[in-house]
Amino acid sequence: MSRIIECVPNFSEGRDMQIIGQITDAVKSVEGVSLLNVDPGAATNRTVVTFVGAPEAVVEAAFRAIKVAGEIIDMRKHHGEHPRIGATDVCPLIPIADVTMEECAKYARDLASRVGSELGIPVYCYESAAFKPERRNLAVCRSGEYEGIAKKFANPEWKPDFGPCEYNDKVAFSGVSVIGARDFLVAINYNLNTTSTRRANAIAFDVREKGRKVREGNPITGKVVLDENGNEVWKPGTLKGCKAIGWYIEEYGIAQVSMNVTDINTTPVHIAFDEVCRAAAERGIRVTGAEIVGLVPKKVLIDAGKYYLAKQNRSAGISEDEIIKIAVKSMGLDDLCPFDAKQKVIEFIMEKEAPKGLVDMTCKGFAEETASESPAPGGGSISAYMGALGAALGTMVGNLSAHKPGWDARWEEFSAWAEKGHAIMVKLLALVDEDTAAFNKIMAAFGLPKGTPEEKAARSAAIQAATLYATQVPLRTMKASFEVFDVVRAMAVDGNPNSVSDAGVGALAAWSAVQGAWLNVKINAAGLKDRRIAEEILAEATEIAAAATIQREEIITIVDTIINQ
């Protein structure tokens, strides 16, 4: 899986498109970053920019954007309805895929350090990147706003985390920035079969973390209860990390509960959906569907789809597209308008910009490309694909077994095997393209100039590095293909006996994949000058190849025995 983070900086300019364009151009100047959205607001005089990519690229893009904003947005002349403290008012980094919050917080602090030292802009770190508990809250960091910076700096408690602590001409121009790391916020509206805003609000108050004021007698008009200190007493709602209100949408002619899920790890979106359904039903109202506002990480929909599949006692060892379809239908995300995951899921939007690979071809197209006079794809990619097909067959038997009439009590057992097989299949499909990429690296290395001793040395080093990589990739294919045997053996022994031959073919495909990849390991290892590394790789590959033959013979014996019963 690719490591992805999102950055959503807010810049204190929402009216001058030329200034906004210079900032977004800085973002787009970094390779590997996808600019997803630019949302200027005239009344707030503020623009929210959204971009994603690999962590290092996103941090560089954020730095360049902050630099430009600090040079062209004069905060001494800024006015708008939204609270703000600097040209780049706030800049959160958000983990999307294969990045922990702790890692994201470190990236945010590193960015803040650069902004402070290289740009001379004072920075407070907030949320998960905060150095002090009281600075976790953005509103607290922004207190006093731009006009109160000088007074804030006079208080030793509010010394910036990075950058200068003096109100000089540079700071007067750029203001202060607040940089941090936070969870992804999902904005979701729940559609109700009512036009009553009051009832929608009642449902929102039931579930939102803040809850509602406690009143004497009538819960709406009764006197607010106060504690011994004279403070209002609140009854918390049932969902942690959720903010919600009710409203009426003229366009649709219905009331909605509008919710921000600010902590999707504590309260996943599907859990919030079910709880809103429960609270609505208690008030005689039905949730007819929901609409996700903006973009979401793929994980949000995958987790939801798997959750609803489990409630149906169905296997989750199916394609991501099918899992997402279950999520969409279960939460009615297409209730008001069609839901296109390709336009709503961050990872899918990024995939559209990536070049197509071998695995994106049709079966016929892949075969024709292999048959062409081009040397790639070759045996390495074909081996990875054979392994993927072996894993796919094991997964299929798992799914069929999970859905077999009379075997309902065992659905979780087979679903686990199907998910394992599907994960191996995905890994091997990635290796199809990676093996061809490894071959292309060798060809590129051989094409380097060799006119001088320095060029010859650089070329030789590049060839050796590419050759080592081209040896390691088929070794990974061998290891991944060997994992297929666990799945197909379990399915041959315990799976649906009507599909035992499919498990057997899966074992044969996995064996062929291991042996084919072994040939590629051997031919590429022959070109390695470091014979110690070469022999280590060959020894490991030889052991895997021998073990694969034993696995194949044992599984085929099991399959033959069941067929002949």
Protein backbone atom coordinates (compact mmCIF):
# COMPACT_ATOMS: atom_id res chain seq x y z
CA MET A 1 0.00 0.00 0.00
CA SER A 2 1.24 3.51 -0.77
CA ARG A 3 1.96 5.82 2.14
CA ILE A 4 -0.40 8.79 1.80
CA ILE A 5 -1.09 11.88 3.88
CA GLU A 6 -3.41 14.78 3.22
CA CYS A 7 -2.73 18.46 3.84
CA VAL A 8 -5.54 21.02 4.20
CA PRO A 9 -3.95 24.45 4.72
CA ASN A 10 -6.17 27.52 5.13
CA PHE A 11 -4.79 30.72 3.60
CA SER A 12 -5.97 34.21 4.53
CA GLU A 13 -6.97 35.22 1.01
CA GLY A 14 -10.26 34.32 -0.62
CA ARG A 15 -10.86 37.10 -3.14
CA ASP A 16 -7.76 37.63 -5.28
CA MET A 17 -7.52 34.61 -7.59
CA GLN A 18 -4.07 35.67 -8.78
CA ILE A 19 -2.69 35.36 -5.24
CA ILE A 20 -4.53 32.08 -4.72
CA GLY A 21 -3.14 30.81 -8.02
CA GLN A 22 0.45 31.55 -6.99
CA ILE A 23 -0.05 29.52 -3.82
CA THR A 24 -1.60 26.54 -5.60
CA ASP A 25 1.11 26.70 -8.27
CA ALA A 26 3.63 26.20 -5.47
CA VAL A 27 1.75 23.08 -4.41
CA LYS A 28 1.61 21.74 -7.96
CA SER A 29 5.33 22.33 -8.44
CA VAL A 30 6.14 19.27 -6.28
CA GLU A 31 6.18 15.96 -8.13
CA GLY A 32 4.00 13.26 -6.59
CA VAL A 33 1.45 15.64 -5.06
CA SER A 34 -2.17 15.68 -6.22
CA LEU A 35 -4.08 18.95 -5.77
CA LEU A 36 -7.63 17.80 -5.01
CA ASN A 37 -9.56 20.95 -4.21
CA VAL A 38 -9.31 24.74 -3.96
CA ASP A 39 -12.20 26.41 -2.10
CA PRO A 40 -12.02 30.22 -1.85
CA GLY A 41 -14.54 32.21 0.21
CA ALA A 42 -15.07 35.92 -0.41
CA ALA A 43 -16.92 36.70 2.83
CA THR A 44 -14.38 34.88 4.98
CA ASN A 45 -11.51 36.09 2.76
CA ARG A 46 -10.03 32.64 3.16
CA THR A 47 -9.14 29.73 0.87
CA VAL A 48 -9.01 26.07 1.87
CA VAL A 49 -6.64 24.00 -0.26
CA THR A 50 -6.58 20.19 -0.22
CA PHE A 51 -3.73 18.09 -1.57
CA VAL A 52 -2.42 14.57 -0.99
CA GLY A 53 0.59 12.40 -1.74
CA ALA A 54 3.55 10.66 -0.18
CA PRO A 55 4.46 12.27 3.17
CA GLU A 56 7.79 13.78 2.09
CA ALA A 57 6.28 15.28 -1.06
CA VAL A 58 3.28 16.71 0.81
CA VAL A 59 5.51 18.32 3.44
CA GLU A 60 7.64 19.92 0.72
CA ALA A 61 4.53 21.20 -1.08
CA ALA A 62 3.16 22.63 2.17
CA PHE A 63 6.46 24.40 2.86
CA ARG A 64 6.52 25.97 -0.61
CA ALA A 65 2.91 27.11 -0.29
CA ILE A 66 3.52 28.61 3.16
CA LYS A 67 6.60 30.40 1.80
CA VAL A 68 4.64 31.95 -1.07
CA ALA A 69 1.72 32.92 1.16
CA GLY A 70 4.09 34.56 3.63
CA GLU A 71 5.57 36.65 0.82
CA ILE A 72 2.40 37.84 -0.95
CA ILE A 73 -0.38 37.98 1.68
CA ASP A 74 -0.06 41.17 3.76
CA MET A 75 -1.86 40.45 7.02
CA ARG A 76 -1.81 44.15 7.93
CA LYS A 77 -4.49 44.64 5.26
CA HIS A 78 -6.50 41.47 5.85
CA HIS A 79 -10.15 41.52 6.88
CA GLY A 80 -12.67 38.68 6.83
CA GLU A 81 -15.40 37.01 8.84
CA HIS A 82 -13.35 33.93 9.80
CA PRO A 83 -10.94 33.93 12.75
CA ARG A 84 -7.30 34.02 11.58
CA ILE A 85 -3.79 34.65 12.90
CA GLY A 86 -1.57 34.45 9.83
CA ALA A 87 -1.22 34.31 6.05
CA THR A 88 -1.14 30.54 6.37
CA ASP A 89 -3.57 30.45 9.24
CA VAL A 90 -3.63 26.72 9.90
CA CYS A 91 -1.91 23.77 8.19
CA PRO A 92 -2.97 20.29 9.35
CA LEU A 93 -1.40 17.04 8.12
CA ILE A 94 -3.76 14.06 8.10
CA PRO A 95 -2.83 10.36 7.84
CA ILE A 96 -4.71 8.65 5.01
CA ALA A 97 -3.01 5.33 4.22
CA ASP A 98 -0.21 3.35 5.89
CA VAL A 99 0.92 6.30 8.03
CA THR A 100 0.40 6.48 11.80
CA MET A 101 -0.71 9.57 13.66
CA GLU A 102 2.62 9.58 15.50
CA GLU A 103 4.47 9.67 12.17
CA CYS A 104 2.19 12.44 10.92
CA ALA A 105 2.86 14.49 14.06
CA LYS A 106 6.60 14.19 13.44
CA TYR A 107 6.16 15.35 9.84
CA ALA A 108 4.14 18.32 11.13
CA ARG A 109 6.82 19.27 13.66
CA ASP A 110 9.55 18.97 11.03
CA LEU A 111 7.53 21.23 8.73
CA ALA A 112 6.96 23.71 11.57
CA SER A 113 10.69 23.75 12.33
CA ARG A 114 11.54 24.58 8.70
CA VAL A 115 8.89 27.29 8.53
CA GLY A 116 10.21 28.87 11.71
CA SER A 117 13.93 28.69 10.93
CA GLU A 118 13.99 29.18 7.14
CA LEU A 119 11.03 31.54 6.67
CA GLY A 120 11.10 33.42 9.97
CA ILE A 121 7.41 32.77 10.58
CA PRO A 122 6.43 31.96 14.19
CA VAL A 123 4.64 28.62 14.52
CA TYR A 124 2.44 26.98 17.14
CA CYS A 125 1.99 23.21 16.90
CA TYR A 126 -1.52 21.91 17.60
CA GLU A 127 -3.58 18.73 17.91
CA SER A 128 -1.38 15.58 17.85
CA ALA A 129 1.75 17.63 17.09
CA ALA A 130 1.29 19.90 20.13
CA PHE A 131 4.17 20.14 22.62
CA LYS A 132 1.84 21.41 25.37
CA PRO A 133 -1.64 20.03 26.23
CA GLU A 134 -3.22 23.49 26.17
CA ARG A 135 -2.04 24.00 22.60
CA ARG A 136 -3.87 20.97 21.19
CA ASN A 137 -6.94 23.14 20.57
CA LEU A 138 -6.72 25.26 17.42
CA ALA A 139 -9.00 27.95 18.83
CA VAL A 140 -6.70 28.37 21.84
CA CYS A 141 -3.62 28.69 19.62
CA ARG A 142 -5.45 31.25 17.51
CA SER A 143 -6.79 33.21 20.50
CA GLY A 144 -6.36 36.97 20.14
CA GLU A 145 -6.09 36.45 16.39
CA TYR A 146 -3.69 38.46 14.24
CA GLU A 147 -4.33 41.71 16.07
CA GLY A 148 -3.30 40.15 19.39
CA ILE A 149 0.06 38.67 18.32
CA ALA A 150 2.22 41.35 19.98
CA LYS A 151 0.39 40.99 23.28
CA LYS A 152 0.57 37.19 23.02
CA PHE A 153 4.33 37.23 22.49
CA ALA A 154 4.76 39.40 25.60
CA ASN A 155 3.50 36.44 27.66
CA PRO A 156 6.31 33.85 28.19
CA GLU A 157 3.66 31.13 28.25
CA TRP A 158 2.94 31.85 24.58
CA LYS A 159 6.43 31.69 23.17
CA PRO A 160 6.08 30.06 19.70
CA ASP A 161 7.18 26.46 19.34
CA PHE A 162 9.34 27.47 16.38
CA GLY A 163 10.46 30.73 14.80
CA PRO A 164 10.93 34.23 16.26
CA CYS A 165 9.19 35.46 19.40
CA GLU A 166 9.20 39.12 18.51
CA TYR A 167 6.68 41.21 16.67
CA ASN A 168 8.94 42.54 13.92
CA ASP A 169 8.08 43.81 10.43
CA LYS A 170 8.29 40.30 8.96
CA VAL A 171 5.85 38.89 11.50
CA ALA A 172 3.57 41.90 11.06
CA PHE A 173 3.39 41.03 7.36
CA SER A 174 2.99 37.23 7.56
CA GLY A 175 1.45 36.73 10.97
CA VAL A 176 1.71 33.39 12.77
CA SER A 177 0.99 29.90 11.48
CA VAL A 178 -0.54 26.98 13.37
CA ILE A 179 0.74 23.61 12.10
CA GLY A 180 -0.29 20.19 13.35
CA ALA A 181 -1.53 16.68 12.75
CA ARG A 182 -5.10 15.54 13.20
CA ASP A 183 -7.44 12.75 12.24
CA PHE A 184 -9.42 12.86 9.04
CA LEU A 185 -12.76 14.61 9.48
CA VAL A 186 -15.71 13.04 7.68
CA ALA A 187 -18.68 15.31 6.99
CA ILE A 188 -21.82 13.22 6.55
CA ASN A 189 -25.50 14.19 6.42
CA TYR A 190 -28.24 11.71 7.32
CA ASN A 191 -31.44 12.01 5.29
CA LEU A 192 -34.66 11.78 7.32
CA ASN A 193 -38.24 11.02 6.25
CA THR A 194 -39.39 14.21 7.94
CA THR A 195 -39.38 17.94 7.26
CA SER A 196 -39.07 18.83 10.95
CA THR A 197 -35.85 20.63 11.84
CA ARG A 198 -36.77 20.37 15.52
CA ARG A 199 -36.94 16.58 15.33
CA ALA A 200 -33.70 16.44 13.34
CA ASN A 201 -32.04 18.52 16.03
CA ALA A 202 -33.41 16.24 18.72
CA ILE A 203 -31.76 13.24 17.02
CA ALA A 204 -28.53 15.20 16.61
CA PHE A 205 -28.52 16.08 20.33
CA ASP A 206 -29.16 12.41 21.20
CA VAL A 207 -26.01 11.22 19.44
CA ARG A 208 -23.44 14.05 19.34
CA GLU A 209 -20.71 13.91 21.96
CA LYS A 210 -21.65 17.29 23.43
CA GLY A 211 -25.21 16.11 23.95
CA ARG A 212 -27.89 18.50 25.21
CA LYS A 213 -28.66 20.78 28.14
CA VAL A 214 -30.50 19.12 31.03
CA ARG A 215 -33.84 20.82 31.71
CA GLU A 216 -36.46 20.57 34.39
CA GLY A 217 -39.69 19.00 33.18
CA ASN A 218 -40.14 19.67 29.47
CA PRO A 219 -36.90 18.72 27.66
CA ILE A 220 -37.34 21.62 25.22
CA THR A 221 -38.89 24.50 27.15
CA GLY A 222 -38.02 23.53 30.72
CA LYS A 223 -35.67 25.55 32.88
CA VAL A 224 -32.00 24.68 32.35
CA VAL A 225 -30.53 22.78 35.31
CA LEU A 226 -27.48 24.35 36.96
CA ASP A 227 -24.82 22.66 39.09
CA GLU A 228 -23.59 23.86 42.48
CA ASN A 229 -21.23 26.30 40.73
CA GLY A 230 -23.99 27.79 38.61
CA ASN A 231 -22.86 26.10 35.42
CA GLU A 232 -25.29 24.53 32.97
CA VAL A 233 -25.59 20.74 33.25
CA TRP A 234 -25.21 18.80 30.00
CA LYS A 235 -26.19 15.22 29.18
CA PRO A 236 -23.60 13.74 26.77
CA GLY A 237 -24.69 12.04 23.56
CA THR A 238 -23.86 8.47 22.59
CA LEU A 239 -21.14 9.08 19.97
CA LYS A 240 -17.63 10.13 20.89
CA GLY A 241 -15.79 12.45 18.49
CA CYS A 242 -18.97 13.57 16.72
CA LYS A 243 -20.54 17.00 16.28
CA ALA A 244 -24.06 17.28 14.88
CA ILE A 245 -27.01 19.58 14.28
CA GLY A 246 -30.34 19.28 12.49
CA TRP A 247 -31.44 21.37 9.52
CA TYR A 248 -33.90 21.53 6.64
CA ILE A 249 -32.62 21.28 3.07
CA GLU A 250 -34.87 23.15 0.66
CA GLU A 251 -33.26 21.51 -2.38
CA TYR A 252 -34.29 18.03 -1.24
CA GLY A 253 -37.39 18.97 0.75
CA ILE A 254 -36.23 16.96 3.80
CA ALA A 255 -34.61 17.47 7.17
CA GLN A 256 -31.15 16.09 7.82
CA VAL A 257 -28.85 15.41 10.73
CA SER A 258 -25.59 17.06 9.68
CA MET A 259 -22.58 15.48 11.38
CA ASN A 260 -18.81 15.92 11.50
CA VAL A 261 -17.09 12.72 12.59
CA THR A 262 -13.86 14.14 13.98
CA ASP A 263 -12.39 10.86 15.24
CA ILE A 264 -13.05 8.04 12.77
CA ASN A 265 -10.94 5.63 14.81
CA THR A 266 -13.08 6.02 17.93
CA THR A 267 -16.36 6.29 16.02
CA PRO A 268 -16.22 4.80 12.50
CA VAL A 269 -18.74 6.25 10.07
CA HIS A 270 -20.77 3.03 9.86
CA ILE A 271 -21.16 2.96 13.66
CA ALA A 272 -22.35 6.58 13.58
CA PHE A 273 -24.83 5.70 10.82
CA ASP A 274 -26.34 2.82 12.77
CA GLU A 275 -26.59 4.93 15.92
CA VAL A 276 -28.37 7.76 14.10
CA CYS A 277 -30.76 5.15 12.67
CA ARG A 278 -31.46 3.86 16.19
CA ALA A 279 -32.01 7.34 17.65
CA ALA A 280 -34.26 8.31 14.74
CA ALA A 281 -36.35 5.12 15.07
CA GLU A 282 -36.93 5.87 18.75
CA ARG A 283 -38.56 9.12 17.63
CA GLY A 284 -40.63 7.45 14.93
CA ILE A 285 -38.37 8.64 12.13
CA ARG A 286 -36.47 6.67 9.51
CA VAL A 287 -33.05 7.40 8.03
CA THR A 288 -33.51 6.94 4.29
CA GLY A 289 -29.85 7.33 3.42
CA ALA A 290 -26.83 9.55 3.84
CA GLU A 291 -24.56 11.81 1.82
CA ILE A 292 -20.82 12.16 2.34
CA VAL A 293 -19.68 15.75 1.85
CA GLY A 294 -16.25 16.06 0.27
CA LEU A 295 -13.69 13.28 0.05
CA VAL A 296 -12.97 10.25 2.25
CA PRO A 297 -10.09 7.80 2.66
CA LYS A 298 -10.79 4.39 1.14
CA LYS A 299 -10.54 2.80 4.58
CA VAL A 300 -13.79 4.50 5.67
CA LEU A 301 -15.80 2.65 3.04
CA ILE A 302 -13.84 -0.61 3.23
CA ASP A 303 -14.35 -0.80 7.01
CA ALA A 304 -18.06 -0.04 6.56
CA GLY A 305 -18.49 -2.66 3.84
CA LYS A 306 -16.78 -5.34 5.92
CA TYR A 307 -18.90 -4.39 8.92
CA TYR A 308 -22.16 -4.86 7.02
CA LEU A 309 -20.91 -8.04 5.34
CA ALA A 310 -20.19 -9.46 8.80
CA LYS A 311 -23.71 -8.57 9.94
CA GLN A 312 -24.96 -10.62 6.97
CA ASN A 313 -22.60 -13.52 7.80
CA ARG A 314 -20.93 -12.98 4.43
CA SER A 315 -17.28 -13.35 3.45
CA ALA A 316 -15.18 -10.20 3.08
CA GLY A 317 -12.68 -11.94 0.79
CA ILE A 318 -13.98 -10.09 -2.27
CA SER A 319 -12.79 -7.16 -4.37
CA GLU A 320 -12.59 -3.66 -2.95
CA ASP A 321 -15.17 -2.52 -5.49
CA GLU A 322 -17.69 -5.05 -4.19
CA ILE A 323 -16.96 -4.19 -0.55
CA ILE A 324 -17.46 -0.50 -1.29
CA LYS A 325 -20.71 -1.28 -3.12
CA ILE A 326 -22.00 -2.99 0.06
CA ALA A 327 -21.03 0.11 2.09
CA VAL A 328 -22.80 2.45 -0.34
CA LYS A 329 -26.00 0.40 -0.37
CA SER A 330 -25.97 -0.26 3.38
CA MET A 331 -25.75 3.43 4.27
CA GLY A 332 -27.81 4.66 1.32
CA LEU A 333 -25.02 6.91 0.07
CA ASP A 334 -26.78 7.01 -3.32
CA ASP A 335 -30.14 8.01 -1.82
CA LEU A 336 -30.20 11.59 -3.13
CA CYS A 337 -27.77 11.33 -6.05
CA PRO A 338 -25.44 8.72 -7.57
CA PHE A 339 -22.36 7.92 -5.49
CA ASP A 340 -19.21 7.60 -7.60
CA ALA A 341 -16.39 6.17 -5.47
CA LYS A 342 -13.89 7.18 -8.16
CA GLN A 343 -14.77 10.82 -7.46
CA LYS A 344 -15.15 10.56 -3.67
CA VAL A 345 -12.29 8.33 -2.49
CA ILE A 346 -8.90 9.99 -2.16
CA GLU A 347 -6.85 6.96 -3.21
CA PHE A 348 -8.99 6.41 -6.34
CA ILE A 349 -8.56 10.04 -7.39
CA MET A 350 -4.79 9.61 -7.07
CA GLU A 351 -4.88 6.38 -9.07
CA LYS A 352 -6.49 8.18 -12.00
CA GLU A 353 -3.36 10.30 -12.33
CA ALA A 354 -1.00 7.31 -12.23
CA PRO A 355 0.10 5.60 -15.46
CA LYS A 356 -1.66 2.32 -16.29
CA GLY A 357 0.23 -0.91 -15.67
CA LEU A 358 0.16 -4.46 -16.99
CA VAL A 359 -2.50 -5.50 -14.48
CA ASP A 360 -4.83 -2.84 -15.90
CA MET A 361 -4.87 -4.64 -19.28
CA THR A 362 -7.46 -7.13 -20.40
CA CYS A 363 -6.44 -10.81 -20.27
CA LYS A 364 -6.12 -10.77 -24.05
CA GLY A 365 -4.15 -7.55 -24.06
CA PHE A 366 -1.72 -8.87 -21.45
CA ALA A 367 -1.20 -12.06 -23.45
CA GLU A 368 -0.63 -10.11 -26.67
CA GLU A 369 1.82 -7.76 -24.94
CA THR A 370 3.72 -10.76 -23.58
CA ALA A 371 3.81 -12.33 -27.04
CA SER A 372 5.17 -9.17 -28.69
CA GLU A 373 8.82 -8.65 -29.61
CA SER A 374 9.31 -6.52 -26.48
CA PRO A 375 11.40 -8.42 -23.84
CA ALA A 376 9.07 -7.26 -21.05
CA PRO A 377 6.79 -8.44 -19.61
CA GLY A 378 8.66 -11.70 -19.37
CA GLY A 379 8.88 -14.77 -17.21
CA GLY A 380 9.08 -12.84 -13.94
CA SER A 381 5.82 -10.97 -14.50
CA ILE A 382 4.12 -14.13 -15.79
CA SER A 383 5.27 -16.02 -12.67
CA ALA A 384 3.78 -13.34 -10.42
CA TYR A 385 0.53 -13.48 -12.38
CA MET A 386 0.36 -17.28 -12.11
CA GLY A 387 0.80 -16.91 -8.36
CA ALA A 388 -1.97 -14.32 -8.27
CA LEU A 389 -4.30 -16.71 -10.12
CA GLY A 390 -3.43 -19.47 -7.65
CA ALA A 391 -4.32 -17.17 -4.76
CA ALA A 392 -7.51 -16.15 -6.56
CA LEU A 393 -8.60 -19.81 -6.86
CA GLY A 394 -8.00 -20.40 -3.15
CA THR A 395 -9.96 -17.25 -2.38
CA MET A 396 -12.81 -18.38 -4.60
CA VAL A 397 -13.12 -21.71 -2.75
CA GLY A 398 -13.12 -19.81 0.54
CA ASN A 399 -15.94 -17.55 -0.61
CA LEU A 400 -17.97 -20.46 -2.00
CA SER A 401 -17.51 -22.37 1.25
CA ALA A 402 -18.54 -19.39 3.36
CA HIS A 403 -21.74 -19.13 1.32
CA LYS A 404 -22.48 -22.86 1.12
CA PRO A 405 -26.00 -23.78 2.35
CA GLY A 406 -25.82 -25.60 5.66
CA TRP A 407 -22.35 -24.25 6.47
CA ASP A 408 -23.59 -20.95 7.91
CA ALA A 409 -21.96 -21.55 11.28
CA ARG A 410 -18.53 -21.68 9.59
CA TRP A 411 -18.76 -18.48 7.54
CA GLU A 412 -16.17 -16.63 9.66
CA GLU A 413 -13.64 -19.45 9.26
CA PHE A 414 -13.90 -19.38 5.47
CA SER A 415 -14.13 -15.61 5.29
CA ALA A 416 -10.78 -15.39 7.09
CA TRP A 417 -9.20 -17.74 4.54
CA ALA A 418 -10.77 -15.80 1.66
CA GLU A 419 -9.45 -12.50 3.00
CA LYS A 420 -5.97 -13.99 3.42
CA GLY A 421 -6.03 -15.34 -0.12
CA HIS A 422 -7.26 -12.06 -1.53
CA ALA A 423 -4.46 -10.15 0.24
CA ILE A 424 -1.85 -12.51 -1.25
CA MET A 425 -3.43 -12.06 -4.68
CA VAL A 426 -3.19 -8.27 -4.41
CA LYS A 427 0.46 -8.54 -3.36
CA LEU A 428 1.29 -10.74 -6.35
CA LEU A 429 -0.57 -8.52 -8.81
CA ALA A 430 1.63 -5.63 -7.69
CA LEU A 431 4.68 -7.80 -8.35
CA VAL A 432 3.55 -8.31 -11.96
CA ASP A 433 4.32 -4.68 -12.72
CA GLU A 434 7.25 -4.46 -10.32
CA ASP A 435 9.09 -7.28 -12.08
CA THR A 436 8.80 -5.50 -15.42
CA ALA A 437 9.88 -2.25 -13.76
CA ALA A 438 12.95 -4.07 -12.39
CA PHE A 439 13.90 -5.24 -15.90
CA ASN A 440 13.47 -1.72 -17.24
CA LYS A 441 15.82 -0.39 -14.53
CA ILE A 442 18.53 -2.75 -15.75
CA MET A 443 18.05 -1.56 -19.33
CA ALA A 444 18.19 2.07 -18.19
CA ALA A 445 21.41 1.41 -16.26
CA PHE A 446 23.07 -0.16 -19.31
CA GLY A 447 22.08 2.94 -21.27
CA LEU A 448 24.03 5.33 -19.01
CA PRO A 449 27.06 7.16 -20.51
CA LYS A 450 30.51 5.56 -20.14
CA GLY A 451 32.83 8.10 -21.74
CA THR A 452 34.89 8.93 -18.64
CA PRO A 453 36.20 6.86 -15.71
CA GLU A 454 33.67 8.58 -13.44
CA GLU A 455 30.81 7.78 -15.80
CA LYS A 456 31.98 4.18 -16.11
CA ALA A 457 32.06 3.81 -12.32
CA ALA A 458 28.61 5.35 -11.94
CA ARG A 459 27.23 3.13 -14.72
CA SER A 460 28.72 0.01 -13.19
CA ALA A 461 27.27 0.86 -9.76
CA ALA A 462 23.85 1.53 -11.30
CA ILE A 463 23.93 -1.79 -13.17
CA GLN A 464 24.78 -3.67 -9.99
CA ALA A 465 22.05 -1.90 -7.98
CA ALA A 466 19.49 -2.62 -10.70
CA THR A 467 20.61 -6.25 -10.97
CA LEU A 468 20.29 -6.74 -7.21
CA TYR A 469 16.79 -5.27 -7.33
CA ALA A 470 15.89 -7.49 -10.29
CA THR A 471 17.06 -10.49 -8.26
CA GLN A 472 15.16 -9.51 -5.12
CA VAL A 473 11.82 -8.95 -6.88
CA PRO A 474 11.38 -12.55 -8.13
CA LEU A 475 12.52 -13.75 -4.70
CA ARG A 476 9.61 -11.79 -3.25
CA THR A 477 7.38 -13.41 -5.87
CA MET A 478 8.59 -16.83 -4.69
CA LYS A 479 7.80 -15.98 -1.06
CA ALA A 480 4.37 -14.56 -1.83
CA SER A 481 3.47 -17.48 -4.11
CA PHE A 482 4.55 -19.93 -1.42
CA GLU A 483 1.99 -18.32 0.91
CA VAL A 484 -0.72 -19.50 -1.49
CA PHE A 485 -0.16 -23.11 -0.42
CA ASP A 486 -1.56 -22.46 3.07
CA VAL A 487 -4.81 -21.20 1.58
CA VAL A 488 -5.31 -23.86 -1.10
CA ARG A 489 -4.36 -26.68 1.30
CA ALA A 490 -6.93 -25.50 3.84
CA MET A 491 -9.55 -25.20 1.12
CA ALA A 492 -8.71 -28.67 -0.26
CA VAL A 493 -9.04 -30.23 3.20
CA ASP A 494 -11.92 -28.24 4.70
CA GLY A 495 -13.53 -26.30 1.86
CA ASN A 496 -16.51 -27.05 -0.33
CA PRO A 497 -15.71 -30.53 -1.75
CA ASN A 498 -17.40 -29.58 -5.03
CA SER A 499 -14.57 -27.06 -5.57
CA VAL A 500 -11.66 -29.22 -4.49
CA SER A 501 -10.30 -29.35 -8.06
CA ASP A 502 -10.09 -25.55 -8.02
CA ALA A 503 -7.92 -25.73 -4.91
CA GLY A 504 -5.74 -28.25 -6.74
CA VAL A 505 -5.31 -25.99 -9.76
CA GLY A 506 -4.46 -23.19 -7.32
CA ALA A 507 -1.66 -25.34 -5.91
CA LEU A 508 -0.33 -26.07 -9.40
CA ALA A 509 -0.41 -22.37 -10.30
CA ALA A 510 1.41 -21.48 -7.08
CA TRP A 511 4.07 -24.14 -7.76
CA SER A 512 4.58 -22.90 -11.32
CA ALA A 513 4.88 -19.34 -9.98
CA VAL A 514 7.55 -20.36 -7.47
CA GLN A 515 9.54 -22.33 -10.05
CA GLY A 516 9.27 -19.61 -12.69
CA ALA A 517 10.37 -16.90 -10.28
CA TRP A 518 13.26 -19.18 -9.18
CA LEU A 519 14.56 -19.22 -12.76
CA ASN A 520 14.55 -15.42 -12.74
CA VAL A 521 16.37 -15.32 -9.42
CA LYS A 522 19.08 -17.60 -10.79
CA ILE A 523 19.61 -15.76 -14.09
CA ASN A 524 19.74 -12.33 -12.43
CA ALA A 525 21.92 -13.45 -9.52
CA ALA A 526 24.51 -14.59 -12.05
CA GLY A 527 25.14 -10.93 -12.88
CA LEU A 528 25.88 -9.90 -9.29
CA LYS A 529 29.53 -9.15 -8.53
CA ASP A 530 28.96 -9.44 -4.78
CA ARG A 531 28.91 -13.24 -4.66
CA ARG A 532 28.21 -13.35 -0.92
CA ILE A 533 24.85 -11.63 -1.41
CA ALA A 534 24.18 -13.67 -4.54
CA GLU A 535 24.79 -16.98 -2.74
CA GLU A 536 22.59 -15.95 0.19
CA ILE A 537 19.73 -15.16 -2.18
CA LEU A 538 20.23 -18.36 -4.18
CA ALA A 539 20.29 -20.49 -1.03
CA GLU A 540 17.02 -19.01 0.21
CA ALA A 541 15.40 -19.38 -3.23
CA THR A 542 16.53 -23.00 -3.57
CA GLU A 543 15.00 -23.84 -0.19
CA ILE A 544 11.67 -22.26 -1.15
CA ALA A 545 11.59 -24.04 -4.51
CA ALA A 546 12.19 -27.44 -2.88
CA ALA A 547 9.53 -26.82 -0.23
CA ALA A 548 7.07 -25.76 -2.95
CA THR A 549 7.44 -29.10 -4.71
CA ILE A 550 6.65 -30.94 -1.49
CA GLN A 551 3.59 -28.74 -0.95
CA ARG A 552 2.37 -29.35 -4.49
CA GLU A 553 2.66 -33.13 -4.18
CA GLU A 554 0.91 -33.25 -0.81
CA ILE A 555 -1.97 -31.00 -1.89
CA ILE A 556 -2.52 -32.82 -5.20
CA THR A 557 -2.63 -36.11 -3.26
CA ILE A 558 -5.31 -34.64 -0.98
CA VAL A 559 -7.28 -33.40 -3.99
CA ASP A 560 -7.07 -36.77 -5.79
CA THR A 561 -8.20 -38.59 -2.66
CA ILE A 562 -11.30 -36.40 -2.27
CA ILE A 563 -12.16 -36.61 -5.97
CA ASN A 564 -11.88 -40.41 -5.91
CA GLN A 565 -14.03 -40.88 -2.81
